[in-house]
Amino acid sequence: MFIGLGYLLSNQIEQVAAYVSRVGIFLWGIVAGTLFVYIFWKYAQRQRFLHRLRTARITPEELKQKLDAAEDLLILDVRNALEFEADPQMIPGAIYFPLEKLRDDPPDLSGGREVILYCD
């Protein structure tokens, strides 16, 4: 019975196989295109993040202007203890807060002040 059914539908089976083959290539194209779009999107996100990271920096001149304008700043000197002992000079108004302590016991940042970290 199945042999006779296969014989009667042999042309249709070949057409279905060709259709599945074309659809398979199409689906692989969709998967590859989706993967490409995803990788491009992640790359663009990384570039935006790096750009924001670069623009989040402040120059010494900008910091001086903020200090002269008496802006409400929290300036943290995050140098390690050896560096601080070798050169204990700090920016006026800064608080010595080693990076190790910053990880374990972060300062209270609820005041809404701009926080500036510096290490050297």
N, C-alpha and C. Protein backbone atom coordinates (compact mmCIF):
# COMPACT_ATOMS: atom_id res chain seq x y z
N MET A 1 0.82 -1.21 0.00
CA MET A 1 0.00 0.00 0.00
C MET A 1 0.86 1.27 0.00
N PHE A 2 1.85 1.30 0.91
CA PHE A 2 2.69 2.49 0.98
C PHE A 2 3.57 2.62 -0.26
N ILE A 3 3.96 1.48 -0.82
CA ILE A 3 4.77 1.53 -2.04
C ILE A 3 3.95 2.11 -3.17
N GLY A 4 2.71 1.71 -3.30
CA GLY A 4 1.83 2.24 -4.34
C GLY A 4 1.57 3.72 -4.12
N LEU A 5 1.40 4.13 -2.86
CA LEU A 5 1.17 5.54 -2.56
C LEU A 5 2.41 6.37 -2.90
N GLY A 6 3.59 5.81 -2.61
CA GLY A 6 4.83 6.48 -2.96
C GLY A 6 5.00 6.62 -4.45
N TYR A 7 4.62 5.57 -5.19
CA TYR A 7 4.71 5.62 -6.64
C TYR A 7 3.77 6.67 -7.21
N LEU A 8 2.54 6.74 -6.69
CA LEU A 8 1.56 7.72 -7.20
C LEU A 8 1.97 9.16 -6.88
N LEU A 9 2.61 9.36 -5.73
CA LEU A 9 2.94 10.72 -5.29
C LEU A 9 4.42 11.06 -5.49
N SER A 10 5.13 10.29 -6.31
CA SER A 10 6.58 10.51 -6.47
C SER A 10 6.89 11.91 -6.99
N ASN A 11 6.11 12.43 -7.93
CA ASN A 11 6.36 13.79 -8.43
C ASN A 11 6.14 14.83 -7.34
N GLN A 12 5.10 14.64 -6.56
CA GLN A 12 4.82 15.59 -5.49
C GLN A 12 5.89 15.52 -4.39
N ILE A 13 6.40 14.31 -4.12
CA ILE A 13 7.46 14.16 -3.11
C ILE A 13 8.71 14.91 -3.56
N GLU A 14 9.05 14.84 -4.84
CA GLU A 14 10.21 15.57 -5.36
C GLU A 14 9.98 17.07 -5.26
N GLN A 15 8.76 17.52 -5.53
CA GLN A 15 8.45 18.95 -5.42
C GLN A 15 8.55 19.41 -3.96
N VAL A 16 8.05 18.60 -3.07
CA VAL A 16 8.13 18.94 -1.63
C VAL A 16 9.58 18.99 -1.19
N ALA A 17 10.41 18.05 -1.64
CA ALA A 17 11.83 18.05 -1.27
C ALA A 17 12.53 19.31 -1.80
N ALA A 18 12.23 19.70 -3.03
CA ALA A 18 12.82 20.91 -3.59
C ALA A 18 12.35 22.15 -2.82
N TYR A 19 11.07 22.16 -2.46
CA TYR A 19 10.53 23.29 -1.68
C TYR A 19 11.21 23.39 -0.32
N VAL A 20 11.35 22.25 0.36
CA VAL A 20 12.02 22.23 1.67
C VAL A 20 13.47 22.68 1.52
N SER A 21 14.11 22.29 0.44
CA SER A 21 15.49 22.72 0.20
C SER A 21 15.58 24.23 0.04
N ARG A 22 14.65 24.82 -0.73
CA ARG A 22 14.65 26.28 -0.92
C ARG A 22 14.33 26.99 0.39
N VAL A 23 13.36 26.48 1.13
CA VAL A 23 12.98 27.09 2.40
C VAL A 23 14.13 26.99 3.39
N GLY A 24 14.84 25.85 3.36
CA GLY A 24 15.99 25.68 4.25
C GLY A 24 17.04 26.73 4.00
N ILE A 25 17.36 26.98 2.73
CA ILE A 25 18.34 28.02 2.39
C ILE A 25 17.83 29.38 2.84
N PHE A 26 16.55 29.62 2.64
CA PHE A 26 15.95 30.88 3.07
C PHE A 26 16.04 31.05 4.58
N LEU A 27 15.74 29.96 5.31
CA LEU A 27 15.82 30.03 6.77
C LEU A 27 17.26 30.26 7.24
N TRP A 28 18.23 29.61 6.59
CA TRP A 28 19.63 29.86 6.94
C TRP A 28 20.00 31.32 6.67
N GLY A 29 19.47 31.87 5.60
CA GLY A 29 19.70 33.29 5.31
C GLY A 29 19.12 34.18 6.40
N ILE A 30 17.93 33.83 6.88
CA ILE A 30 17.31 34.60 7.95
C ILE A 30 18.14 34.48 9.23
N VAL A 31 18.58 33.27 9.55
CA VAL A 31 19.40 33.07 10.76
C VAL A 31 20.71 33.85 10.65
N ALA A 32 21.37 33.76 9.51
CA ALA A 32 22.64 34.48 9.32
C ALA A 32 22.41 35.99 9.38
N GLY A 33 21.34 36.46 8.76
CA GLY A 33 21.04 37.90 8.80
C GLY A 33 20.73 38.37 10.21
N THR A 34 19.96 37.58 10.94
CA THR A 34 19.64 37.93 12.33
C THR A 34 20.91 37.97 13.18
N LEU A 35 21.78 36.99 12.99
CA LEU A 35 23.04 36.96 13.72
C LEU A 35 23.89 38.19 13.38
N PHE A 36 23.95 38.55 12.12
CA PHE A 36 24.70 39.73 11.70
C PHE A 36 24.14 40.99 12.35
N VAL A 37 22.82 41.15 12.33
CA VAL A 37 22.19 42.32 12.94
C VAL A 37 22.48 42.36 14.43
N TYR A 38 22.41 41.21 15.11
CA TYR A 38 22.67 41.14 16.54
C TYR A 38 24.11 41.56 16.85
N ILE A 39 25.06 41.02 16.09
CA ILE A 39 26.48 41.36 16.32
C ILE A 39 26.70 42.84 16.06
N PHE A 40 26.13 43.37 14.99
CA PHE A 40 26.27 44.80 14.70
C PHE A 40 25.66 45.63 15.83
N TRP A 41 24.49 45.23 16.33
CA TRP A 41 23.83 45.96 17.42
C TRP A 41 24.69 45.96 18.67
N LYS A 42 25.28 44.81 19.04
CA LYS A 42 26.14 44.74 20.22
C LYS A 42 27.40 45.59 20.02
N TYR A 43 27.94 45.60 18.82
CA TYR A 43 29.11 46.43 18.53
C TYR A 43 28.76 47.91 18.69
N ALA A 44 27.60 48.32 18.17
CA ALA A 44 27.17 49.71 18.30
C ALA A 44 26.94 50.08 19.77
N GLN A 45 26.35 49.17 20.54
CA GLN A 45 26.16 49.43 21.97
C GLN A 45 27.50 49.62 22.66
N ARG A 46 28.46 48.78 22.34
CA ARG A 46 29.80 48.88 22.95
C ARG A 46 30.45 50.21 22.59
N GLN A 47 30.33 50.62 21.34
CA GLN A 47 30.92 51.88 20.92
C GLN A 47 30.27 53.06 21.66
N ARG A 48 28.93 53.02 21.83
CA ARG A 48 28.24 54.08 22.58
C ARG A 48 28.70 54.10 24.03
N PHE A 49 28.86 52.91 24.62
CA PHE A 49 29.31 52.82 26.01
C PHE A 49 30.72 53.40 26.14
N LEU A 50 31.61 53.02 25.25
CA LEU A 50 32.98 53.54 25.30
C LEU A 50 33.00 55.05 25.09
N HIS A 51 32.16 55.56 24.23
CA HIS A 51 32.08 56.99 24.01
C HIS A 51 31.62 57.71 25.28
N ARG A 52 30.58 57.15 25.93
CA ARG A 52 30.10 57.75 27.18
C ARG A 52 31.17 57.68 28.25
N LEU A 53 31.94 56.59 28.28
CA LEU A 53 33.01 56.45 29.26
C LEU A 53 34.08 57.50 29.03
N ARG A 54 34.41 57.75 27.77
CA ARG A 54 35.42 58.77 27.47
C ARG A 54 34.91 60.16 27.83
N THR A 55 33.64 60.41 27.58
CA THR A 55 33.11 61.74 27.87
C THR A 55 32.82 61.94 29.35
N ALA A 56 32.84 60.86 30.14
CA ALA A 56 32.59 60.99 31.57
C ALA A 56 33.82 61.47 32.31
N ARG A 57 34.92 61.62 31.64
CA ARG A 57 36.14 62.08 32.28
C ARG A 57 36.11 63.59 32.41
N ILE A 58 36.88 64.08 33.35
CA ILE A 58 36.94 65.51 33.62
C ILE A 58 38.40 65.92 33.61
N THR A 59 38.69 67.04 33.01
CA THR A 59 40.07 67.53 32.97
C THR A 59 40.37 68.27 34.27
N PRO A 60 41.64 68.41 34.59
CA PRO A 60 41.99 69.18 35.79
C PRO A 60 41.47 70.62 35.73
N GLU A 61 41.46 71.20 34.54
CA GLU A 61 40.95 72.56 34.40
C GLU A 61 39.46 72.63 34.71
N GLU A 62 38.70 71.63 34.23
CA GLU A 62 37.26 71.59 34.52
C GLU A 62 37.02 71.42 36.01
N LEU A 63 37.83 70.58 36.66
CA LEU A 63 37.69 70.39 38.10
C LEU A 63 37.99 71.69 38.84
N LYS A 64 39.02 72.40 38.42
CA LYS A 64 39.35 73.68 39.07
C LYS A 64 38.21 74.67 38.92
N GLN A 65 37.60 74.70 37.73
CA GLN A 65 36.46 75.60 37.53
C GLN A 65 35.31 75.23 38.45
N LYS A 66 35.06 73.96 38.62
CA LYS A 66 33.98 73.52 39.50
C LYS A 66 34.29 73.86 40.95
N LEU A 67 35.56 73.69 41.34
CA LEU A 67 35.95 74.05 42.72
C LEU A 67 35.86 75.55 42.93
N ASP A 68 36.30 76.34 41.95
CA ASP A 68 36.22 77.80 42.06
C ASP A 68 34.77 78.28 42.12
N ALA A 69 33.88 77.56 41.44
CA ALA A 69 32.47 77.92 41.44
C ALA A 69 31.74 77.38 42.68
N ALA A 70 32.47 76.73 43.56
CA ALA A 70 31.93 76.17 44.81
C ALA A 70 30.78 75.19 44.55
N GLU A 71 30.93 74.40 43.50
CA GLU A 71 29.92 73.37 43.23
C GLU A 71 30.00 72.29 44.30
N ASP A 72 28.88 71.63 44.55
CA ASP A 72 28.82 70.58 45.56
C ASP A 72 29.37 69.29 44.96
N LEU A 73 30.62 68.97 45.27
CA LEU A 73 31.31 67.82 44.70
C LEU A 73 31.73 66.86 45.80
N LEU A 74 31.80 65.61 45.47
CA LEU A 74 32.41 64.61 46.34
C LEU A 74 33.63 64.11 45.58
N ILE A 75 34.81 64.49 46.04
CA ILE A 75 36.05 64.13 45.37
C ILE A 75 36.72 63.05 46.19
N LEU A 76 36.93 61.90 45.58
CA LEU A 76 37.54 60.77 46.27
C LEU A 76 38.89 60.44 45.65
N ASP A 77 39.92 60.42 46.51
CA ASP A 77 41.25 60.00 46.10
C ASP A 77 41.31 58.49 46.30
N VAL A 78 41.35 57.74 45.21
CA VAL A 78 41.27 56.28 45.30
C VAL A 78 42.62 55.59 45.07
N ARG A 79 43.69 56.31 45.30
CA ARG A 79 45.02 55.70 45.14
C ARG A 79 45.21 54.62 46.20
N ASN A 80 46.08 53.65 45.89
CA ASN A 80 46.35 52.63 46.90
C ASN A 80 47.24 53.21 47.99
N ALA A 81 47.36 52.52 49.09
CA ALA A 81 48.05 53.05 50.28
C ALA A 81 49.51 53.39 49.99
N LEU A 82 50.21 52.58 49.22
CA LEU A 82 51.61 52.85 48.92
C LEU A 82 51.78 54.14 48.14
N GLU A 83 50.95 54.35 47.15
CA GLU A 83 51.01 55.59 46.37
C GLU A 83 50.68 56.79 47.24
N PHE A 84 49.69 56.64 48.10
CA PHE A 84 49.28 57.75 48.95
C PHE A 84 50.38 58.10 49.96
N GLU A 85 51.03 57.07 50.52
CA GLU A 85 52.12 57.33 51.46
C GLU A 85 53.30 57.99 50.77
N ALA A 86 53.58 57.62 49.53
CA ALA A 86 54.70 58.20 48.80
C ALA A 86 54.43 59.66 48.46
N ASP A 87 53.18 60.01 48.18
CA ASP A 87 52.81 61.38 47.84
C ASP A 87 51.44 61.69 48.44
N PRO A 88 51.41 62.16 49.70
CA PRO A 88 50.12 62.35 50.37
C PRO A 88 49.37 63.62 49.98
N GLN A 89 49.87 64.37 49.02
CA GLN A 89 49.15 65.58 48.61
C GLN A 89 47.84 65.20 47.93
N MET A 90 46.80 65.98 48.23
CA MET A 90 45.49 65.70 47.67
C MET A 90 44.89 66.99 47.13
N ILE A 91 43.88 66.83 46.31
CA ILE A 91 43.10 67.96 45.82
C ILE A 91 42.35 68.55 47.01
N PRO A 92 42.29 69.87 47.13
CA PRO A 92 41.56 70.47 48.25
C PRO A 92 40.11 69.97 48.32
N GLY A 93 39.70 69.53 49.49
CA GLY A 93 38.34 69.05 49.69
C GLY A 93 38.16 67.57 49.38
N ALA A 94 39.22 66.90 48.90
CA ALA A 94 39.12 65.48 48.56
C ALA A 94 39.18 64.63 49.82
N ILE A 95 38.65 63.44 49.70
CA ILE A 95 38.67 62.47 50.79
C ILE A 95 39.48 61.27 50.31
N TYR A 96 40.43 60.85 51.14
CA TYR A 96 41.19 59.66 50.78
C TYR A 96 40.31 58.44 51.01
N PHE A 97 40.06 57.70 49.96
CA PHE A 97 39.17 56.56 50.01
C PHE A 97 39.74 55.49 49.08
N PRO A 98 40.66 54.65 49.59
CA PRO A 98 41.32 53.68 48.70
C PRO A 98 40.31 52.82 47.94
N LEU A 99 40.70 52.44 46.77
CA LEU A 99 39.83 51.67 45.89
C LEU A 99 39.36 50.38 46.55
N GLU A 100 40.22 49.73 47.33
CA GLU A 100 39.83 48.50 48.02
C GLU A 100 38.67 48.79 48.99
N LYS A 101 38.75 49.91 49.69
CA LYS A 101 37.69 50.30 50.62
C LYS A 101 36.41 50.67 49.85
N LEU A 102 36.60 51.25 48.69
CA LEU A 102 35.46 51.65 47.87
C LEU A 102 34.62 50.43 47.49
N ARG A 103 35.28 49.33 47.20
CA ARG A 103 34.56 48.09 46.86
C ARG A 103 33.83 47.52 48.06
N ASP A 104 34.51 47.50 49.21
CA ASP A 104 33.95 46.85 50.40
C ASP A 104 32.96 47.73 51.17
N ASP A 105 33.25 49.01 51.26
CA ASP A 105 32.43 49.92 52.07
C ASP A 105 32.24 51.23 51.32
N PRO A 106 31.35 51.24 50.31
CA PRO A 106 31.20 52.46 49.49
C PRO A 106 30.66 53.63 50.32
N PRO A 107 31.05 54.85 49.95
CA PRO A 107 30.56 56.02 50.67
C PRO A 107 29.09 56.27 50.37
N ASP A 108 28.47 57.07 51.20
CA ASP A 108 27.06 57.42 51.01
C ASP A 108 26.96 58.40 49.84
N LEU A 109 26.28 57.99 48.80
CA LEU A 109 26.14 58.81 47.59
C LEU A 109 24.73 59.35 47.45
N SER A 110 23.97 59.34 48.53
CA SER A 110 22.57 59.74 48.44
C SER A 110 22.37 61.25 48.36
N GLY A 111 23.41 62.04 48.55
CA GLY A 111 23.27 63.49 48.55
C GLY A 111 23.03 64.10 47.18
N GLY A 112 23.18 63.33 46.12
CA GLY A 112 22.95 63.85 44.78
C GLY A 112 24.12 64.69 44.27
N ARG A 113 25.24 64.62 44.97
CA ARG A 113 26.41 65.39 44.53
C ARG A 113 27.12 64.68 43.39
N GLU A 114 27.81 65.45 42.59
CA GLU A 114 28.64 64.87 41.54
C GLU A 114 29.84 64.22 42.21
N VAL A 115 30.14 62.99 41.82
CA VAL A 115 31.26 62.24 42.41
C VAL A 115 32.40 62.23 41.43
N ILE A 116 33.57 62.59 41.90
CA ILE A 116 34.77 62.59 41.07
C ILE A 116 35.80 61.71 41.74
N LEU A 117 36.27 60.70 41.00
CA LEU A 117 37.31 59.81 41.50
C LEU A 117 38.61 60.18 40.80
N TYR A 118 39.69 60.16 41.57
CA TYR A 118 40.99 60.32 40.92
C TYR A 118 42.00 59.42 41.58
N CYS A 119 42.99 59.02 40.78
CA CYS A 119 43.97 58.09 41.31
C CYS A 119 45.40 58.57 41.15
N ASP A 120 45.64 59.59 40.40
CA ASP A 120 47.01 60.09 40.29
C ASP A 120 47.03 61.37 39.52
